[in-house]
Structure formats: C-alpha cells, structure tokens
C-alpha cells in the first residue's frame, strides 16, 4: 500500500492565511505609526523577507508531511499558493483601509507626493498635476490585479529557490 501524499493546497492555504495575517498586522503597525502613506524600500524588503520566510517554512512543513520528499513542482505550487492567499488577504485589508477606515487615503497620498513630484519636474503646472491626480484616482482599481500577479511571480521565485534548497526525490524502485 502506498502512503497518502500530502496535499499542496492545504499547506498553501494554512501558511497563506498565516502570511496574510502577519501582513495585516504589519500594515496596522504602519498605520498606527502613520507610515502607510509611502511605500519605502525598507518596508518592501521587510515584506518580502516575511513572505520568503513563511514560504520556506510552508515548503519545509510540506516536505516533512510528505515523508521527507519534495519535488520542485510541489514547492512551486506551495510557494505560489501561499503568496496568492497572502496577497488576497492583504488586498482586502488595503481595500478596507482605503475605503472604510480612511476614505481620504488617496488625497493624503497625493498631498505627500506633490512636493516631490514638483521638485522632480519643475516645469509641471498645477493643472498638469491635477490631471495626473485624477488619472491616478480613476485607475486606482488596477493595483489589485497587478499586486496579485506580482505576488504570484514572487511566490513562484521563492518557491523555486526553496524547492531547490529542500528538494529530495523519492527513490526509484
């Protein structure tokens, strides 16, 4: 009789929920410190490191549950699954933050960005700035699918790296 093989979806869901919860806690922490208006390099790096650690732990847990064996395909499935579940939870939090908790979020972001944009483009008129702001607001919805795709690609990369590190093939009989 063959052993029951572990399901990648179960690990992707469980660790994706964990990653999403950690991302929301991190987002709330940024919100309480008024650091949620700008996306800085250190914040992006911290977010990627958190996701990478959770993806690695998820793949390692899957490997243990699978009798110590892991293929690259399984690692990729778990990595992408964790990243997508985490992204969905993070995007729900972002939607609630920007539409319910702080409905004037985009106005504040634009207010913070204006001096920087004007300094980088001294020939920009106030009218051009306003046109850019209106265009930005009308296409704000596009960030959701773009972030899902970016997270899926990141999960693919993290799953590949983790899979290459943890890979162990079952012996051929």
N, C-alpha and C. Protein backbone atom coordinates (compact mmCIF):
# COMPACT_ATOMS: atom_id res chain seq x y z
N UNK A 1 0.83 -1.18 0.00
CA UNK A 1 0.00 0.00 0.00
C UNK A 1 0.87 1.24 0.00
N UNK A 2 0.43 2.24 -0.77
CA UNK A 2 1.18 3.49 -0.83
C UNK A 2 0.73 4.43 0.28
N UNK A 3 1.68 5.27 0.70
CA UNK A 3 1.35 6.29 1.69
C UNK A 3 0.47 7.35 1.05
N UNK A 4 -0.35 7.97 1.85
CA UNK A 4 -1.18 9.07 1.38
C UNK A 4 -0.28 10.29 1.22
N UNK A 5 -0.23 10.85 0.01
CA UNK A 5 0.61 12.01 -0.24
C UNK A 5 -0.06 13.27 0.30
N UNK A 6 0.74 14.15 0.89
CA UNK A 6 0.22 15.40 1.44
C UNK A 6 -0.30 16.28 0.30
N UNK A 7 -1.28 17.10 0.60
CA UNK A 7 -1.88 17.99 -0.39
C UNK A 7 -1.21 19.37 -0.32
N UNK A 8 -0.74 19.86 -1.47
CA UNK A 8 -0.07 21.16 -1.51
C UNK A 8 -1.05 22.28 -1.16
N UNK A 9 -2.30 22.14 -1.56
CA UNK A 9 -3.30 23.17 -1.32
C UNK A 9 -3.53 23.45 0.16
N UNK A 10 -3.51 22.39 0.96
CA UNK A 10 -3.71 22.55 2.40
C UNK A 10 -2.60 23.41 3.01
N UNK A 11 -1.37 23.14 2.61
CA UNK A 11 -0.24 23.90 3.14
C UNK A 11 -0.24 25.33 2.60
N UNK A 12 -0.60 25.48 1.34
CA UNK A 12 -0.67 26.82 0.74
C UNK A 12 -1.72 27.67 1.46
N UNK A 13 -2.88 27.07 1.74
CA UNK A 13 -3.95 27.80 2.41
C UNK A 13 -3.56 28.16 3.84
N UNK A 14 -3.11 27.18 4.61
CA UNK A 14 -2.78 27.43 6.02
C UNK A 14 -1.66 28.47 6.17
N UNK A 15 -0.58 28.28 5.43
CA UNK A 15 0.54 29.21 5.55
C UNK A 15 0.23 30.54 4.85
N UNK A 16 -0.62 30.52 3.83
CA UNK A 16 -1.06 31.76 3.20
C UNK A 16 -1.89 32.60 4.15
N UNK A 17 -2.77 31.93 4.92
CA UNK A 17 -3.55 32.64 5.94
C UNK A 17 -2.63 33.23 7.00
N UNK A 18 -1.62 32.47 7.41
CA UNK A 18 -0.65 32.97 8.38
C UNK A 18 0.10 34.17 7.82
N UNK A 19 0.55 34.07 6.60
CA UNK A 19 1.28 35.16 5.96
C UNK A 19 0.39 36.39 5.80
N UNK A 20 -0.85 36.18 5.41
CA UNK A 20 -1.79 37.30 5.28
C UNK A 20 -2.05 37.98 6.60
N UNK A 21 -2.18 37.18 7.66
CA UNK A 21 -2.39 37.74 9.00
C UNK A 21 -1.18 38.57 9.43
N UNK A 22 0.01 38.05 9.19
CA UNK A 22 1.24 38.79 9.53
C UNK A 22 1.30 40.08 8.71
N UNK A 23 0.93 40.02 7.43
CA UNK A 23 0.93 41.21 6.58
C UNK A 23 -0.06 42.26 7.08
N UNK A 24 -1.23 41.82 7.53
CA UNK A 24 -2.22 42.75 8.07
C UNK A 24 -1.71 43.38 9.37
N UNK A 25 -1.11 42.58 10.23
CA UNK A 25 -0.54 43.11 11.47
C UNK A 25 0.55 44.14 11.14
N UNK A 26 1.39 43.83 10.16
CA UNK A 26 2.43 44.76 9.73
C UNK A 26 1.79 46.04 9.18
N UNK A 27 0.72 45.90 8.39
CA UNK A 27 0.00 47.05 7.85
C UNK A 27 -0.62 47.90 8.94
N UNK A 28 -1.20 47.26 9.95
CA UNK A 28 -1.78 48.00 11.08
C UNK A 28 -0.68 48.73 11.84
N UNK A 29 0.46 48.06 11.99
CA UNK A 29 1.59 48.70 12.66
C UNK A 29 2.03 49.95 11.88
N UNK A 30 2.11 49.85 10.57
CA UNK A 30 2.47 51.01 9.75
C UNK A 30 1.41 52.10 9.88
N UNK A 31 0.14 51.70 9.91
CA UNK A 31 -0.96 52.66 10.04
C UNK A 31 -0.88 53.42 11.36
N UNK A 32 -0.62 52.71 12.45
CA UNK A 32 -0.56 53.37 13.75
C UNK A 32 0.63 54.32 13.86
N UNK A 33 1.66 54.08 13.06
CA UNK A 33 2.84 54.95 13.06
C UNK A 33 2.77 56.00 11.95
N UNK A 34 1.65 56.07 11.24
CA UNK A 34 1.45 56.99 10.11
C UNK A 34 2.51 56.80 9.03
N UNK A 35 2.93 55.54 8.82
CA UNK A 35 3.93 55.22 7.80
C UNK A 35 3.31 54.51 6.60
N UNK A 36 1.99 54.49 6.53
CA UNK A 36 1.30 53.74 5.49
C UNK A 36 1.05 54.54 4.21
N UNK A 37 1.43 55.80 4.20
CA UNK A 37 1.19 56.62 3.02
C UNK A 37 2.25 56.44 1.94
N UNK A 38 3.46 56.15 2.33
CA UNK A 38 4.54 56.00 1.36
C UNK A 38 5.07 54.57 1.40
N UNK A 39 5.40 54.06 0.25
CA UNK A 39 5.99 52.72 0.17
C UNK A 39 7.49 52.91 -0.01
N UNK A 40 8.23 52.66 1.06
CA UNK A 40 9.67 52.85 1.01
C UNK A 40 10.37 51.51 0.79
N UNK A 41 11.61 51.58 0.37
CA UNK A 41 12.40 50.37 0.11
C UNK A 41 12.51 49.48 1.34
N UNK A 42 12.81 50.01 2.54
CA UNK A 42 12.88 49.13 3.71
C UNK A 42 11.57 48.39 4.00
N UNK A 43 10.44 49.04 3.79
CA UNK A 43 9.15 48.39 4.04
C UNK A 43 8.92 47.27 3.03
N UNK A 44 9.28 47.50 1.78
CA UNK A 44 9.14 46.46 0.75
C UNK A 44 10.05 45.28 1.08
N UNK A 45 11.29 45.56 1.48
CA UNK A 45 12.24 44.49 1.81
C UNK A 45 11.73 43.67 2.99
N UNK A 46 11.24 44.34 4.03
CA UNK A 46 10.71 43.63 5.20
C UNK A 46 9.54 42.73 4.79
N UNK A 47 8.65 43.24 3.95
CA UNK A 47 7.50 42.46 3.49
C UNK A 47 7.94 41.23 2.71
N UNK A 48 8.94 41.39 1.84
CA UNK A 48 9.42 40.25 1.05
C UNK A 48 10.10 39.22 1.94
N UNK A 49 10.88 39.68 2.91
CA UNK A 49 11.56 38.75 3.83
C UNK A 49 10.54 37.96 4.64
N UNK A 50 9.50 38.62 5.10
CA UNK A 50 8.44 37.93 5.85
C UNK A 50 7.80 36.85 4.98
N UNK A 51 7.43 37.23 3.75
CA UNK A 51 6.81 36.27 2.84
C UNK A 51 7.77 35.12 2.52
N UNK A 52 9.04 35.44 2.29
CA UNK A 52 10.04 34.41 1.96
C UNK A 52 10.18 33.41 3.10
N UNK A 53 10.22 33.92 4.33
CA UNK A 53 10.36 33.03 5.49
C UNK A 53 9.15 32.11 5.61
N UNK A 54 7.96 32.66 5.44
CA UNK A 54 6.75 31.84 5.58
C UNK A 54 6.65 30.83 4.43
N UNK A 55 7.01 31.22 3.22
CA UNK A 55 7.01 30.28 2.09
C UNK A 55 8.00 29.15 2.37
N UNK A 56 9.18 29.49 2.86
CA UNK A 56 10.18 28.46 3.15
C UNK A 56 9.66 27.50 4.22
N UNK A 57 9.08 28.04 5.29
CA UNK A 57 8.53 27.18 6.36
C UNK A 57 7.39 26.31 5.83
N UNK A 58 6.55 26.86 4.95
CA UNK A 58 5.44 26.08 4.38
C UNK A 58 5.96 24.92 3.54
N UNK A 59 6.95 25.19 2.71
CA UNK A 59 7.51 24.13 1.86
C UNK A 59 8.22 23.08 2.70
N UNK A 60 8.92 23.53 3.73
CA UNK A 60 9.60 22.59 4.62
C UNK A 60 8.58 21.72 5.37
N UNK A 61 7.49 22.32 5.83
CA UNK A 61 6.43 21.56 6.52
C UNK A 61 5.79 20.55 5.56
N UNK A 62 5.58 20.98 4.31
CA UNK A 62 5.03 20.06 3.30
C UNK A 62 5.97 18.89 3.10
N UNK A 63 7.26 19.18 3.00
CA UNK A 63 8.25 18.12 2.80
C UNK A 63 8.20 17.11 3.94
N UNK A 64 8.13 17.59 5.18
CA UNK A 64 8.05 16.70 6.34
C UNK A 64 6.79 15.86 6.30
N UNK A 65 5.67 16.46 5.92
CA UNK A 65 4.40 15.73 5.86
C UNK A 65 4.36 14.75 4.69
N UNK A 66 5.24 14.95 3.74
CA UNK A 66 5.28 14.11 2.55
C UNK A 66 6.37 13.04 2.66
N UNK A 67 6.69 12.66 3.86
CA UNK A 67 7.68 11.61 4.07
C UNK A 67 9.12 12.04 3.82
N UNK A 68 9.38 13.35 3.85
CA UNK A 68 10.73 13.85 3.63
C UNK A 68 11.08 14.07 2.17
N UNK A 69 10.10 13.92 1.28
CA UNK A 69 10.36 14.08 -0.15
C UNK A 69 9.68 15.33 -0.67
N UNK A 70 10.34 15.95 -1.66
CA UNK A 70 9.80 17.18 -2.23
C UNK A 70 10.30 17.32 -3.66
N UNK A 71 9.39 17.64 -4.56
CA UNK A 71 9.78 17.94 -5.93
C UNK A 71 9.70 19.45 -6.14
N UNK A 72 10.34 19.92 -7.17
CA UNK A 72 10.30 21.34 -7.50
C UNK A 72 8.87 21.77 -7.79
N UNK A 73 8.12 20.94 -8.49
CA UNK A 73 6.72 21.26 -8.83
C UNK A 73 5.89 21.48 -7.57
N UNK A 74 6.06 20.60 -6.59
CA UNK A 74 5.32 20.75 -5.34
C UNK A 74 5.72 22.03 -4.62
N UNK A 75 7.01 22.33 -4.62
CA UNK A 75 7.49 23.56 -3.98
C UNK A 75 6.92 24.79 -4.67
N UNK A 76 6.86 24.76 -5.99
CA UNK A 76 6.29 25.88 -6.74
C UNK A 76 4.81 26.06 -6.42
N UNK A 77 4.07 24.94 -6.34
CA UNK A 77 2.64 25.02 -6.02
C UNK A 77 2.42 25.64 -4.64
N UNK A 78 3.19 25.18 -3.66
CA UNK A 78 3.04 25.71 -2.30
C UNK A 78 3.45 27.18 -2.27
N UNK A 79 4.56 27.52 -2.90
CA UNK A 79 5.04 28.91 -2.90
C UNK A 79 4.05 29.88 -3.52
N UNK A 80 3.54 29.54 -4.69
CA UNK A 80 2.57 30.40 -5.37
C UNK A 80 1.26 30.46 -4.57
N UNK A 81 0.84 29.33 -4.04
CA UNK A 81 -0.40 29.29 -3.25
C UNK A 81 -0.32 30.17 -2.02
N UNK A 82 0.78 30.06 -1.28
CA UNK A 82 0.97 30.90 -0.08
C UNK A 82 0.95 32.37 -0.48
N UNK A 83 1.68 32.73 -1.53
CA UNK A 83 1.77 34.13 -1.96
C UNK A 83 0.41 34.67 -2.39
N UNK A 84 -0.38 33.86 -3.11
CA UNK A 84 -1.69 34.33 -3.57
C UNK A 84 -2.69 34.49 -2.42
N UNK A 85 -2.73 33.53 -1.52
CA UNK A 85 -3.65 33.64 -0.37
C UNK A 85 -3.26 34.86 0.47
N UNK A 86 -1.97 35.03 0.69
CA UNK A 86 -1.48 36.18 1.45
C UNK A 86 -1.84 37.49 0.75
N UNK A 87 -1.68 37.53 -0.57
CA UNK A 87 -1.99 38.74 -1.33
C UNK A 87 -3.48 39.08 -1.26
N UNK A 88 -4.32 38.06 -1.34
CA UNK A 88 -5.77 38.31 -1.28
C UNK A 88 -6.14 38.92 0.08
N UNK A 89 -5.60 38.38 1.14
CA UNK A 89 -5.89 38.91 2.48
C UNK A 89 -5.35 40.33 2.61
N UNK A 90 -4.13 40.55 2.13
CA UNK A 90 -3.53 41.89 2.19
C UNK A 90 -4.33 42.91 1.39
N UNK A 91 -4.81 42.49 0.22
CA UNK A 91 -5.60 43.40 -0.61
C UNK A 91 -6.96 43.71 0.00
N UNK A 92 -7.54 42.74 0.67
CA UNK A 92 -8.80 43.01 1.38
C UNK A 92 -8.56 44.04 2.48
N UNK A 93 -7.46 43.87 3.22
CA UNK A 93 -7.12 44.86 4.25
C UNK A 93 -6.89 46.23 3.62
N UNK A 94 -6.14 46.28 2.52
CA UNK A 94 -5.86 47.55 1.86
C UNK A 94 -7.15 48.21 1.37
N UNK A 95 -8.07 47.42 0.83
CA UNK A 95 -9.35 47.94 0.37
C UNK A 95 -10.14 48.53 1.53
N UNK A 96 -10.21 47.79 2.64
CA UNK A 96 -10.93 48.28 3.82
C UNK A 96 -10.26 49.55 4.36
N UNK A 97 -8.96 49.56 4.41
CA UNK A 97 -8.23 50.73 4.91
C UNK A 97 -8.52 51.96 4.06
N UNK A 98 -8.41 51.82 2.74
CA UNK A 98 -8.52 52.99 1.86
C UNK A 98 -9.96 53.40 1.55
N UNK A 99 -10.93 52.54 1.83
CA UNK A 99 -12.32 52.89 1.51
C UNK A 99 -13.22 53.02 2.73
N UNK A 100 -12.85 52.41 3.84
CA UNK A 100 -13.71 52.44 5.03
C UNK A 100 -13.02 53.18 6.18
N UNK A 101 -11.86 52.70 6.56
CA UNK A 101 -11.17 53.27 7.72
C UNK A 101 -10.69 54.69 7.42
N UNK A 102 -10.11 54.88 6.25
CA UNK A 102 -9.56 56.18 5.88
C UNK A 102 -9.94 56.51 4.43
N UNK A 103 -11.18 56.97 4.23
CA UNK A 103 -11.65 57.21 2.86
C UNK A 103 -10.86 58.28 2.10
N UNK A 104 -10.20 59.17 2.80
CA UNK A 104 -9.40 60.21 2.13
C UNK A 104 -7.93 59.81 1.98
N UNK A 105 -7.68 58.52 1.99
CA UNK A 105 -6.33 57.99 1.88
C UNK A 105 -5.62 58.50 0.62
N UNK A 106 -6.26 58.38 -0.53
CA UNK A 106 -5.64 58.79 -1.79
C UNK A 106 -5.32 60.28 -1.79
N UNK A 107 -6.19 61.10 -1.20
CA UNK A 107 -5.93 62.53 -1.14
C UNK A 107 -4.67 62.82 -0.32
N UNK A 108 -4.52 62.11 0.79
CA UNK A 108 -3.33 62.31 1.63
C UNK A 108 -2.06 61.82 0.92
N UNK A 109 -2.17 60.70 0.21
CA UNK A 109 -1.02 60.19 -0.53
C UNK A 109 -0.59 61.20 -1.59
N UNK A 110 -1.55 61.77 -2.29
CA UNK A 110 -1.24 62.76 -3.32
C UNK A 110 -0.67 64.05 -2.71
N UNK A 111 -1.18 64.41 -1.56
CA UNK A 111 -0.68 65.60 -0.86
C UNK A 111 0.80 65.42 -0.48
N UNK A 112 1.16 64.23 -0.04
CA UNK A 112 2.54 63.92 0.33
C UNK A 112 3.42 63.85 -0.92
N UNK A 113 2.87 63.31 -2.01
CA UNK A 113 3.65 63.12 -3.23
C UNK A 113 3.86 64.42 -4.02
N UNK A 114 3.00 65.40 -3.82
CA UNK A 114 3.04 66.62 -4.64
C UNK A 114 4.37 67.36 -4.55
N UNK A 115 4.89 67.66 -3.36
CA UNK A 115 6.16 68.39 -3.31
C UNK A 115 7.31 67.65 -4.00
N UNK A 116 7.34 66.34 -3.85
CA UNK A 116 8.39 65.54 -4.50
C UNK A 116 8.25 65.60 -6.02
N UNK A 117 7.02 65.46 -6.50
CA UNK A 117 6.77 65.50 -7.95
C UNK A 117 7.12 66.87 -8.52
N UNK A 118 6.76 67.91 -7.81
CA UNK A 118 7.07 69.27 -8.27
C UNK A 118 8.57 69.53 -8.28
N UNK A 119 9.27 68.98 -7.30
CA UNK A 119 10.73 69.16 -7.24
C UNK A 119 11.41 68.40 -8.38
N UNK A 120 10.90 67.22 -8.71
CA UNK A 120 11.49 66.43 -9.79
C UNK A 120 11.12 66.98 -11.16
N UNK A 121 9.98 67.64 -11.27
CA UNK A 121 9.51 68.20 -12.55
C UNK A 121 9.16 69.68 -12.35
N UNK A 122 10.16 70.57 -12.32
CA UNK A 122 9.90 71.99 -12.03
C UNK A 122 9.02 72.67 -13.08
N UNK A 123 8.90 72.11 -14.28
CA UNK A 123 8.08 72.72 -15.33
C UNK A 123 6.61 72.30 -15.25
N UNK A 124 6.28 71.41 -14.31
CA UNK A 124 4.90 70.93 -14.19
C UNK A 124 4.00 72.04 -13.65
N UNK A 125 2.87 72.22 -14.32
CA UNK A 125 1.92 73.23 -13.85
C UNK A 125 0.94 72.58 -12.87
N UNK A 126 0.21 73.43 -12.17
CA UNK A 126 -0.80 72.94 -11.22
C UNK A 126 -1.89 72.16 -11.96
N UNK A 127 -2.22 72.62 -13.16
CA UNK A 127 -3.24 71.93 -13.97
C UNK A 127 -2.78 70.53 -14.37
N UNK A 128 -1.51 70.42 -14.76
CA UNK A 128 -0.96 69.11 -15.12
C UNK A 128 -0.97 68.18 -13.91
N UNK A 129 -0.64 68.71 -12.74
CA UNK A 129 -0.66 67.92 -11.51
C UNK A 129 -2.07 67.39 -11.25
N UNK A 130 -3.06 68.27 -11.35
CA UNK A 130 -4.45 67.88 -11.11
C UNK A 130 -4.92 66.82 -12.11
N UNK A 131 -4.52 66.95 -13.37
CA UNK A 131 -4.88 65.94 -14.37
C UNK A 131 -4.26 64.59 -14.01
N UNK A 132 -3.01 64.61 -13.57
CA UNK A 132 -2.33 63.38 -13.16
C UNK A 132 -3.00 62.73 -11.97
N UNK A 133 -3.42 63.56 -11.00
CA UNK A 133 -4.10 63.05 -9.81
C UNK A 133 -5.43 62.40 -10.21
N UNK A 134 -6.19 63.04 -11.07
CA UNK A 134 -7.48 62.48 -11.50
C UNK A 134 -7.29 61.17 -12.25
N UNK A 135 -6.25 61.12 -13.10
CA UNK A 135 -5.98 59.88 -13.82
C UNK A 135 -5.59 58.78 -12.85
N UNK A 136 -4.76 59.12 -11.87
CA UNK A 136 -4.32 58.16 -10.86
C UNK A 136 -5.53 57.61 -10.09
N UNK A 137 -6.44 58.49 -9.71
CA UNK A 137 -7.63 58.06 -8.96
C UNK A 137 -8.56 57.19 -9.81
N UNK A 138 -8.67 57.50 -11.09
CA UNK A 138 -9.58 56.73 -11.93
C UNK A 138 -9.04 55.33 -12.24
N UNK A 139 -7.71 55.17 -12.16
CA UNK A 139 -7.11 53.86 -12.42
C UNK A 139 -6.62 53.17 -11.15
N UNK A 140 -7.08 53.60 -9.99
CA UNK A 140 -6.63 53.02 -8.72
C UNK A 140 -7.00 51.55 -8.61
N UNK A 141 -8.10 51.14 -9.22
CA UNK A 141 -8.55 49.74 -9.14
C UNK A 141 -7.55 48.78 -9.77
N UNK A 142 -6.71 49.28 -10.70
CA UNK A 142 -5.78 48.40 -11.42
C UNK A 142 -4.72 47.82 -10.49
N UNK A 143 -4.50 48.48 -9.34
CA UNK A 143 -3.47 47.99 -8.42
C UNK A 143 -3.79 46.59 -7.89
N UNK A 144 -5.06 46.25 -7.77
CA UNK A 144 -5.42 44.95 -7.19
C UNK A 144 -4.97 43.77 -8.06
N UNK A 145 -5.33 43.72 -9.35
CA UNK A 145 -4.82 42.60 -10.14
C UNK A 145 -3.31 42.63 -10.34
N UNK A 146 -2.74 43.84 -10.44
CA UNK A 146 -1.29 43.94 -10.61
C UNK A 146 -0.57 43.37 -9.39
N UNK A 147 -1.05 43.70 -8.20
CA UNK A 147 -0.42 43.18 -6.99
C UNK A 147 -0.60 41.66 -6.86
N UNK A 148 -1.73 41.15 -7.30
CA UNK A 148 -1.93 39.68 -7.29
C UNK A 148 -0.92 39.00 -8.22
N UNK A 149 -0.74 39.57 -9.41
CA UNK A 149 0.21 38.99 -10.36
C UNK A 149 1.64 39.10 -9.82
N UNK A 150 1.99 40.25 -9.27
CA UNK A 150 3.34 40.43 -8.72
C UNK A 150 3.59 39.45 -7.58
N UNK A 151 2.61 39.26 -6.71
CA UNK A 151 2.77 38.31 -5.61
C UNK A 151 2.88 36.88 -6.11
N UNK A 152 2.13 36.54 -7.15
CA UNK A 152 2.22 35.19 -7.71
C UNK A 152 3.62 34.94 -8.28
N UNK A 153 4.16 35.92 -8.98
CA UNK A 153 5.52 35.80 -9.53
C UNK A 153 6.53 35.70 -8.40
N UNK A 154 6.36 36.52 -7.36
CA UNK A 154 7.26 36.46 -6.21
C UNK A 154 7.16 35.09 -5.53
N UNK A 155 5.95 34.57 -5.38
CA UNK A 155 5.77 33.23 -4.81
C UNK A 155 6.41 32.15 -5.67
N UNK A 156 6.35 32.33 -6.99
CA UNK A 156 6.99 31.39 -7.91
C UNK A 156 8.51 31.40 -7.70
N UNK A 157 9.09 32.58 -7.59
CA UNK A 157 10.54 32.70 -7.38
C UNK A 157 10.93 32.13 -6.02
N UNK A 158 10.19 32.50 -4.99
CA UNK A 158 10.50 32.00 -3.64
C UNK A 158 10.30 30.48 -3.56
N UNK A 159 9.26 29.98 -4.21
CA UNK A 159 9.02 28.53 -4.24
C UNK A 159 10.13 27.80 -4.97
N UNK A 160 10.62 28.39 -6.05
CA UNK A 160 11.71 27.77 -6.80
C UNK A 160 12.99 27.73 -5.97
N UNK A 161 13.32 28.83 -5.35
CA UNK A 161 14.54 28.88 -4.52
C UNK A 161 14.42 27.89 -3.36
N UNK A 162 13.29 27.92 -2.66
CA UNK A 162 13.08 26.99 -1.54
C UNK A 162 13.08 25.55 -2.02
N UNK A 163 12.45 25.29 -3.17
CA UNK A 163 12.41 23.94 -3.72
C UNK A 163 13.79 23.43 -4.09
N UNK A 164 14.62 24.31 -4.63
CA UNK A 164 15.98 23.90 -4.98
C UNK A 164 16.79 23.57 -3.73
N UNK A 165 16.55 24.31 -2.66
CA UNK A 165 17.26 24.07 -1.40
C UNK A 165 16.78 22.78 -0.74
N UNK A 166 15.47 22.56 -0.72
CA UNK A 166 14.88 21.45 0.05
C UNK A 166 14.59 20.20 -0.78
N UNK A 167 14.81 20.24 -2.07
CA UNK A 167 14.43 19.15 -2.97
C UNK A 167 15.04 17.80 -2.52
N UNK A 168 14.19 16.80 -2.55
CA UNK A 168 14.64 15.43 -2.30
C UNK A 168 13.70 14.49 -3.04
N UNK A 169 14.24 13.77 -3.99
CA UNK A 169 13.43 12.87 -4.83
C UNK A 169 13.21 11.53 -4.12
N UNK A 170 12.07 10.95 -4.43
CA UNK A 170 11.79 9.60 -3.91
C UNK A 170 12.64 8.61 -4.69
N UNK A 171 13.14 7.59 -4.01
CA UNK A 171 13.96 6.60 -4.71
C UNK A 171 13.13 5.80 -5.71
N UNK A 172 13.75 5.47 -6.82
CA UNK A 172 13.09 4.68 -7.86
C UNK A 172 13.22 3.19 -7.50
N UNK A 173 12.14 2.45 -7.67
CA UNK A 173 12.17 1.01 -7.37
C UNK A 173 12.13 0.21 -8.63
